[in-house]
Amino acid sequence: MRAVPLTLLALLLAGCDGPSTYACPAIGYSSSLVVELAPDWPADHAHSVTIECDEPCGVPSMDGGDAASTRTAVLAEGAALFDWVGDEASAVVTVRAADGAELAKVDAELEWARVGGSEECGGPLEATVTIPAP
């Protein structure tokens, strides 16, 4: 009777490749969405960027709530950086003036590229959206 369990164990272990040759760190990676203005934007014309996603995008709120479907950041030197969790394929990006007037709105396809880590272990991703001048 002992032969049956040992045979099953041998068959199960035969499909294993053995121990891994590398160890992945136990790190939760955060990705980034960069929104930049094209070089031909008038200086100090744009003030903030709003990102809208079909599903909650970005990172959960600081108070522990869920991620929101809309996020806003102030532009600094013609760019805004959003911390991101997920790999959404698209987002609506709106650039606004200081008074809130809409200056440009783009339905952007997000192309994520790994910027750290490794193929085996994963790592942070980054997507960049460049908004043409109005």
N, C-alpha and C. Protein backbone atom coordinates (compact mmCIF):
# COMPACT_ATOMS: atom_id res chain seq x y z
N MET A 1 0.81 -1.22 0.00
CA MET A 1 0.00 0.00 0.00
C MET A 1 0.84 1.27 0.00
N ARG A 2 2.07 1.17 0.54
CA ARG A 2 2.93 2.34 0.57
C ARG A 2 3.40 2.74 -0.82
N ALA A 3 3.40 1.83 -1.74
CA ALA A 3 3.92 2.09 -3.09
C ALA A 3 3.03 3.09 -3.84
N VAL A 4 1.72 3.07 -3.60
CA VAL A 4 0.81 3.98 -4.32
C VAL A 4 1.08 5.43 -3.94
N PRO A 5 1.12 5.81 -2.64
CA PRO A 5 1.41 7.20 -2.31
C PRO A 5 2.80 7.64 -2.78
N LEU A 6 3.78 6.78 -2.67
CA LEU A 6 5.13 7.14 -3.10
C LEU A 6 5.19 7.32 -4.61
N THR A 7 4.46 6.50 -5.35
CA THR A 7 4.42 6.63 -6.81
C THR A 7 3.75 7.93 -7.20
N LEU A 8 2.64 8.28 -6.53
CA LEU A 8 1.97 9.55 -6.82
C LEU A 8 2.87 10.74 -6.51
N LEU A 9 3.58 10.67 -5.39
CA LEU A 9 4.49 11.74 -5.03
C LEU A 9 5.60 11.88 -6.07
N ALA A 10 6.14 10.77 -6.52
CA ALA A 10 7.19 10.81 -7.54
C ALA A 10 6.68 11.41 -8.84
N LEU A 11 5.44 11.08 -9.23
CA LEU A 11 4.87 11.64 -10.45
C LEU A 11 4.64 13.15 -10.32
N LEU A 12 4.17 13.58 -9.15
CA LEU A 12 3.95 15.01 -8.95
C LEU A 12 5.26 15.79 -8.97
N LEU A 13 6.29 15.26 -8.35
CA LEU A 13 7.57 15.95 -8.31
C LEU A 13 8.31 15.90 -9.63
N ALA A 14 8.00 14.96 -10.49
CA ALA A 14 8.68 14.84 -11.78
C ALA A 14 8.40 16.06 -12.66
N GLY A 15 7.28 16.72 -12.47
CA GLY A 15 6.93 17.89 -13.28
C GLY A 15 7.57 19.17 -12.78
N CYS A 16 8.24 19.13 -11.64
CA CYS A 16 8.86 20.33 -11.08
C CYS A 16 10.25 20.54 -11.67
N ASP A 17 10.61 21.76 -11.85
CA ASP A 17 11.93 22.09 -12.38
C ASP A 17 12.98 22.17 -11.27
N GLY A 18 12.58 22.05 -10.06
CA GLY A 18 13.52 22.18 -8.97
C GLY A 18 13.53 23.60 -8.46
N PRO A 19 14.47 23.90 -7.58
CA PRO A 19 14.51 25.24 -7.00
C PRO A 19 14.84 26.30 -8.06
N SER A 20 14.30 27.49 -7.85
CA SER A 20 14.54 28.60 -8.76
C SER A 20 15.99 29.05 -8.65
N THR A 21 16.55 29.54 -9.74
CA THR A 21 17.94 30.01 -9.73
C THR A 21 18.03 31.47 -9.32
N TYR A 22 16.92 32.15 -9.09
CA TYR A 22 16.93 33.53 -8.65
C TYR A 22 15.82 33.73 -7.63
N ALA A 23 15.97 34.73 -6.81
CA ALA A 23 14.96 35.05 -5.81
C ALA A 23 14.45 36.46 -6.06
N CYS A 24 13.15 36.60 -6.13
CA CYS A 24 12.56 37.92 -6.34
C CYS A 24 12.34 38.60 -5.00
N PRO A 25 12.67 39.88 -4.89
CA PRO A 25 12.43 40.59 -3.63
C PRO A 25 10.94 40.75 -3.39
N ALA A 26 10.56 40.76 -2.14
CA ALA A 26 9.15 40.94 -1.77
C ALA A 26 8.85 42.43 -1.73
N ILE A 27 8.74 43.05 -2.91
CA ILE A 27 8.53 44.49 -3.01
C ILE A 27 7.25 44.75 -3.78
N GLY A 28 6.43 45.66 -3.27
CA GLY A 28 5.26 46.10 -4.01
C GLY A 28 5.66 47.30 -4.86
N TYR A 29 5.68 47.12 -6.17
CA TYR A 29 6.12 48.19 -7.06
C TYR A 29 5.00 49.17 -7.34
N SER A 30 5.35 50.42 -7.44
CA SER A 30 4.41 51.46 -7.85
C SER A 30 4.89 51.99 -9.19
N SER A 31 3.98 52.09 -10.11
CA SER A 31 4.32 52.59 -11.43
C SER A 31 4.01 54.09 -11.51
N SER A 32 4.34 54.70 -12.65
CA SER A 32 4.14 56.14 -12.81
C SER A 32 3.54 56.46 -14.17
N LEU A 33 2.63 57.42 -14.16
CA LEU A 33 2.12 58.00 -15.40
C LEU A 33 2.64 59.42 -15.45
N VAL A 34 3.38 59.74 -16.51
CA VAL A 34 3.94 61.07 -16.69
C VAL A 34 3.13 61.77 -17.77
N VAL A 35 2.63 62.96 -17.47
CA VAL A 35 1.94 63.78 -18.46
C VAL A 35 2.82 65.00 -18.68
N GLU A 36 3.21 65.19 -19.95
CA GLU A 36 4.05 66.33 -20.27
C GLU A 36 3.43 67.15 -21.38
N LEU A 37 3.72 68.43 -21.35
CA LEU A 37 3.23 69.32 -22.39
C LEU A 37 4.25 69.35 -23.53
N ALA A 38 3.78 69.39 -24.76
CA ALA A 38 4.67 69.51 -25.91
C ALA A 38 5.46 70.81 -25.77
N PRO A 39 6.65 70.87 -26.36
CA PRO A 39 7.49 72.06 -26.22
C PRO A 39 6.88 73.37 -26.71
N ASP A 40 5.88 73.29 -27.61
CA ASP A 40 5.33 74.53 -28.16
C ASP A 40 4.19 75.14 -27.33
N TRP A 41 3.95 74.64 -26.10
CA TRP A 41 2.96 75.26 -25.22
C TRP A 41 3.47 76.63 -24.78
N PRO A 42 2.59 77.63 -24.72
CA PRO A 42 3.01 78.94 -24.19
C PRO A 42 3.44 78.81 -22.73
N ALA A 43 4.48 79.53 -22.35
CA ALA A 43 4.98 79.48 -20.98
C ALA A 43 3.89 79.90 -19.99
N ASP A 44 3.76 79.16 -18.90
CA ASP A 44 2.82 79.45 -17.81
C ASP A 44 1.35 79.51 -18.26
N HIS A 45 1.04 78.91 -19.39
CA HIS A 45 -0.34 78.91 -19.89
C HIS A 45 -1.19 77.85 -19.18
N ALA A 46 -0.61 76.68 -18.94
CA ALA A 46 -1.33 75.58 -18.31
C ALA A 46 -0.99 75.50 -16.83
N HIS A 47 -1.95 75.04 -16.04
CA HIS A 47 -1.75 75.00 -14.59
C HIS A 47 -1.86 73.59 -14.01
N SER A 48 -2.85 72.79 -14.46
CA SER A 48 -3.05 71.48 -13.86
C SER A 48 -3.48 70.46 -14.91
N VAL A 49 -3.38 69.20 -14.52
CA VAL A 49 -3.76 68.08 -15.38
C VAL A 49 -4.73 67.21 -14.60
N THR A 50 -5.80 66.78 -15.27
CA THR A 50 -6.75 65.84 -14.68
C THR A 50 -6.74 64.57 -15.52
N ILE A 51 -6.69 63.43 -14.84
CA ILE A 51 -6.72 62.12 -15.48
C ILE A 51 -8.05 61.48 -15.14
N GLU A 52 -8.74 60.95 -16.15
CA GLU A 52 -9.99 60.22 -15.93
C GLU A 52 -9.85 58.82 -16.52
N CYS A 53 -10.27 57.82 -15.76
CA CYS A 53 -10.20 56.42 -16.20
C CYS A 53 -11.59 55.80 -16.12
N ASP A 54 -11.82 54.77 -16.94
CA ASP A 54 -13.09 54.05 -16.87
C ASP A 54 -13.26 53.37 -15.52
N GLU A 55 -12.16 52.86 -14.98
CA GLU A 55 -12.17 52.20 -13.68
C GLU A 55 -11.29 53.03 -12.75
N PRO A 56 -11.35 52.80 -11.46
CA PRO A 56 -10.44 53.55 -10.58
C PRO A 56 -9.00 53.40 -11.05
N CYS A 57 -8.27 54.52 -11.06
CA CYS A 57 -6.89 54.49 -11.55
C CYS A 57 -5.97 55.13 -10.54
N GLY A 58 -4.72 54.89 -10.68
CA GLY A 58 -3.75 55.45 -9.77
C GLY A 58 -3.65 54.63 -8.50
N VAL A 59 -3.34 55.28 -7.41
CA VAL A 59 -3.17 54.59 -6.14
C VAL A 59 -4.34 54.91 -5.22
N PRO A 60 -4.61 54.03 -4.24
CA PRO A 60 -5.69 54.32 -3.29
C PRO A 60 -5.43 55.64 -2.57
N SER A 61 -6.49 56.26 -2.10
CA SER A 61 -6.36 57.55 -1.43
C SER A 61 -5.58 57.40 -0.12
N MET A 62 -5.03 58.50 0.36
CA MET A 62 -4.22 58.49 1.57
C MET A 62 -5.01 58.07 2.81
N ASP A 63 -6.32 58.25 2.80
CA ASP A 63 -7.12 57.88 3.97
C ASP A 63 -7.53 56.42 3.94
N GLY A 64 -6.94 55.63 3.03
CA GLY A 64 -7.22 54.20 2.98
C GLY A 64 -8.39 53.85 2.09
N GLY A 65 -9.05 54.85 1.48
CA GLY A 65 -10.16 54.58 0.59
C GLY A 65 -9.70 54.02 -0.74
N ASP A 66 -10.64 53.70 -1.58
CA ASP A 66 -10.33 53.15 -2.89
C ASP A 66 -9.72 54.21 -3.79
N ALA A 67 -9.06 53.74 -4.85
CA ALA A 67 -8.54 54.66 -5.86
C ALA A 67 -9.74 55.32 -6.55
N ALA A 68 -9.54 56.52 -7.02
CA ALA A 68 -10.62 57.27 -7.67
C ALA A 68 -10.55 57.11 -9.18
N SER A 69 -11.64 57.46 -9.87
CA SER A 69 -11.68 57.44 -11.33
C SER A 69 -11.14 58.73 -11.92
N THR A 70 -10.96 59.76 -11.09
CA THR A 70 -10.44 61.04 -11.54
C THR A 70 -9.36 61.50 -10.56
N ARG A 71 -8.24 61.95 -11.11
CA ARG A 71 -7.15 62.47 -10.28
C ARG A 71 -6.61 63.74 -10.92
N THR A 72 -6.16 64.67 -10.09
CA THR A 72 -5.64 65.95 -10.59
C THR A 72 -4.28 66.22 -9.96
N ALA A 73 -3.37 66.80 -10.76
CA ALA A 73 -2.05 67.20 -10.27
C ALA A 73 -1.70 68.55 -10.88
N VAL A 74 -0.95 69.34 -10.15
CA VAL A 74 -0.48 70.63 -10.65
C VAL A 74 0.76 70.39 -11.51
N LEU A 75 0.82 71.10 -12.63
CA LEU A 75 1.98 70.99 -13.51
C LEU A 75 3.19 71.68 -12.89
N ALA A 76 4.34 71.06 -13.01
CA ALA A 76 5.59 71.66 -12.56
C ALA A 76 6.58 71.54 -13.71
N GLU A 77 7.03 72.67 -14.23
CA GLU A 77 7.96 72.70 -15.35
C GLU A 77 7.43 71.91 -16.56
N GLY A 78 6.13 72.05 -16.81
CA GLY A 78 5.53 71.43 -17.99
C GLY A 78 5.23 69.96 -17.89
N ALA A 79 5.24 69.39 -16.68
CA ALA A 79 4.95 67.97 -16.53
C ALA A 79 4.25 67.70 -15.19
N ALA A 80 3.52 66.61 -15.15
CA ALA A 80 2.88 66.16 -13.92
C ALA A 80 3.13 64.66 -13.80
N LEU A 81 3.32 64.19 -12.57
CA LEU A 81 3.61 62.79 -12.30
C LEU A 81 2.51 62.22 -11.43
N PHE A 82 1.97 61.07 -11.86
CA PHE A 82 0.94 60.38 -11.10
C PHE A 82 1.47 59.02 -10.69
N ASP A 83 1.45 58.71 -9.38
CA ASP A 83 1.76 57.35 -8.93
C ASP A 83 0.63 56.47 -9.40
N TRP A 84 0.95 55.24 -9.78
CA TRP A 84 -0.04 54.41 -10.46
C TRP A 84 0.05 52.96 -10.03
N VAL A 85 -1.08 52.32 -9.87
CA VAL A 85 -1.14 50.88 -9.66
C VAL A 85 -2.10 50.36 -10.72
N GLY A 86 -1.66 49.42 -11.50
CA GLY A 86 -2.50 48.89 -12.57
C GLY A 86 -1.86 49.14 -13.92
N ASP A 87 -2.56 48.71 -14.95
CA ASP A 87 -2.01 48.86 -16.30
C ASP A 87 -3.12 49.20 -17.28
N GLU A 88 -3.93 50.20 -16.93
CA GLU A 88 -5.02 50.62 -17.79
C GLU A 88 -4.49 50.92 -19.19
N ALA A 89 -5.31 50.67 -20.21
CA ALA A 89 -4.90 50.87 -21.60
C ALA A 89 -5.12 52.30 -22.07
N SER A 90 -6.00 53.04 -21.40
CA SER A 90 -6.27 54.41 -21.85
C SER A 90 -6.77 55.26 -20.69
N ALA A 91 -6.69 56.57 -20.90
CA ALA A 91 -7.20 57.54 -19.93
C ALA A 91 -7.50 58.83 -20.69
N VAL A 92 -8.42 59.61 -20.16
CA VAL A 92 -8.70 60.93 -20.72
C VAL A 92 -7.88 61.93 -19.92
N VAL A 93 -7.05 62.70 -20.61
CA VAL A 93 -6.16 63.67 -19.97
C VAL A 93 -6.63 65.07 -20.34
N THR A 94 -6.90 65.90 -19.33
CA THR A 94 -7.37 67.27 -19.55
C THR A 94 -6.38 68.24 -18.91
N VAL A 95 -5.96 69.22 -19.69
CA VAL A 95 -5.07 70.27 -19.18
C VAL A 95 -5.93 71.51 -18.94
N ARG A 96 -5.77 72.12 -17.77
CA ARG A 96 -6.58 73.29 -17.39
C ARG A 96 -5.69 74.49 -17.05
N ALA A 97 -6.26 75.68 -17.27
CA ALA A 97 -5.62 76.93 -16.86
C ALA A 97 -5.83 77.11 -15.36
N ALA A 98 -5.18 78.11 -14.77
CA ALA A 98 -5.31 78.38 -13.33
C ALA A 98 -6.75 78.68 -12.94
N ASP A 99 -7.55 79.26 -13.85
CA ASP A 99 -8.95 79.56 -13.53
C ASP A 99 -9.89 78.37 -13.77
N GLY A 100 -9.32 77.21 -14.16
CA GLY A 100 -10.12 76.01 -14.37
C GLY A 100 -10.60 75.81 -15.80
N ALA A 101 -10.35 76.77 -16.68
CA ALA A 101 -10.77 76.64 -18.08
C ALA A 101 -10.02 75.49 -18.75
N GLU A 102 -10.74 74.71 -19.53
CA GLU A 102 -10.14 73.59 -20.25
C GLU A 102 -9.32 74.10 -21.43
N LEU A 103 -8.04 73.73 -21.47
CA LEU A 103 -7.15 74.15 -22.55
C LEU A 103 -6.96 73.06 -23.59
N ALA A 104 -6.93 71.81 -23.16
CA ALA A 104 -6.74 70.68 -24.08
C ALA A 104 -7.30 69.43 -23.42
N LYS A 105 -7.83 68.53 -24.25
CA LYS A 105 -8.37 67.27 -23.75
C LYS A 105 -7.99 66.18 -24.75
N VAL A 106 -7.35 65.10 -24.27
CA VAL A 106 -6.85 64.04 -25.13
C VAL A 106 -7.29 62.69 -24.57
N ASP A 107 -7.82 61.83 -25.44
CA ASP A 107 -8.09 60.44 -25.08
C ASP A 107 -6.80 59.68 -25.39
N ALA A 108 -6.00 59.42 -24.37
CA ALA A 108 -4.65 58.90 -24.55
C ALA A 108 -4.59 57.39 -24.40
N GLU A 109 -3.90 56.75 -25.32
CA GLU A 109 -3.56 55.33 -25.19
C GLU A 109 -2.30 55.26 -24.33
N LEU A 110 -2.34 54.46 -23.27
CA LEU A 110 -1.21 54.37 -22.36
C LEU A 110 -0.35 53.16 -22.74
N GLU A 111 0.90 53.42 -23.06
CA GLU A 111 1.83 52.36 -23.42
C GLU A 111 2.83 52.21 -22.26
N TRP A 112 2.65 51.14 -21.50
CA TRP A 112 3.46 50.92 -20.31
C TRP A 112 4.76 50.22 -20.67
N ALA A 113 5.87 50.67 -20.08
CA ALA A 113 7.18 50.06 -20.29
C ALA A 113 7.84 49.88 -18.92
N ARG A 114 8.52 48.77 -18.75
CA ARG A 114 9.21 48.51 -17.49
C ARG A 114 10.39 49.47 -17.36
N VAL A 115 10.54 50.09 -16.18
CA VAL A 115 11.63 51.02 -15.92
C VAL A 115 12.50 50.56 -14.74
N GLY A 116 12.31 49.35 -14.32
CA GLY A 116 13.09 48.79 -13.22
C GLY A 116 12.72 47.34 -13.02
N GLY A 117 13.37 46.70 -12.09
CA GLY A 117 13.08 45.30 -11.83
C GLY A 117 13.64 44.41 -12.93
N SER A 118 12.96 43.31 -13.20
CA SER A 118 13.44 42.37 -14.21
C SER A 118 12.26 41.64 -14.84
N GLU A 119 12.52 40.97 -15.93
CA GLU A 119 11.48 40.19 -16.63
C GLU A 119 10.95 39.09 -15.72
N GLU A 120 11.86 38.45 -14.97
CA GLU A 120 11.47 37.33 -14.11
C GLU A 120 10.65 37.78 -12.90
N CYS A 121 11.00 38.93 -12.33
CA CYS A 121 10.37 39.35 -11.08
C CYS A 121 9.38 40.50 -11.23
N GLY A 122 9.30 41.08 -12.43
CA GLY A 122 8.44 42.24 -12.60
C GLY A 122 9.14 43.49 -12.14
N GLY A 123 8.42 44.56 -12.04
CA GLY A 123 9.01 45.81 -11.60
C GLY A 123 8.11 46.97 -11.97
N PRO A 124 8.52 48.18 -11.62
CA PRO A 124 7.69 49.35 -11.90
C PRO A 124 7.58 49.61 -13.40
N LEU A 125 6.43 50.13 -13.79
CA LEU A 125 6.17 50.49 -15.17
C LEU A 125 6.01 52.00 -15.27
N GLU A 126 6.20 52.53 -16.48
CA GLU A 126 5.98 53.95 -16.69
C GLU A 126 5.34 54.15 -18.06
N ALA A 127 4.41 55.07 -18.11
CA ALA A 127 3.80 55.49 -19.37
C ALA A 127 3.91 57.01 -19.43
N THR A 128 4.15 57.53 -20.63
CA THR A 128 4.26 58.97 -20.81
C THR A 128 3.25 59.42 -21.85
N VAL A 129 2.51 60.48 -21.53
CA VAL A 129 1.55 61.07 -22.46
C VAL A 129 2.02 62.50 -22.72
N THR A 130 2.20 62.84 -24.00
CA THR A 130 2.58 64.20 -24.38
C THR A 130 1.36 64.89 -24.97
N ILE A 131 1.01 66.02 -24.39
CA ILE A 131 -0.18 66.76 -24.82
C ILE A 131 0.23 67.87 -25.79
N PRO A 132 -0.29 67.82 -27.03
CA PRO A 132 0.04 68.87 -27.99
C PRO A 132 -0.58 70.21 -27.57
N ALA A 133 0.07 71.29 -27.96
CA ALA A 133 -0.44 72.64 -27.65
C ALA A 133 -1.77 72.87 -28.35
N PRO A 134 -2.66 73.64 -27.71
CA PRO A 134 -3.96 73.90 -28.34
C PRO A 134 -3.84 74.81 -29.55
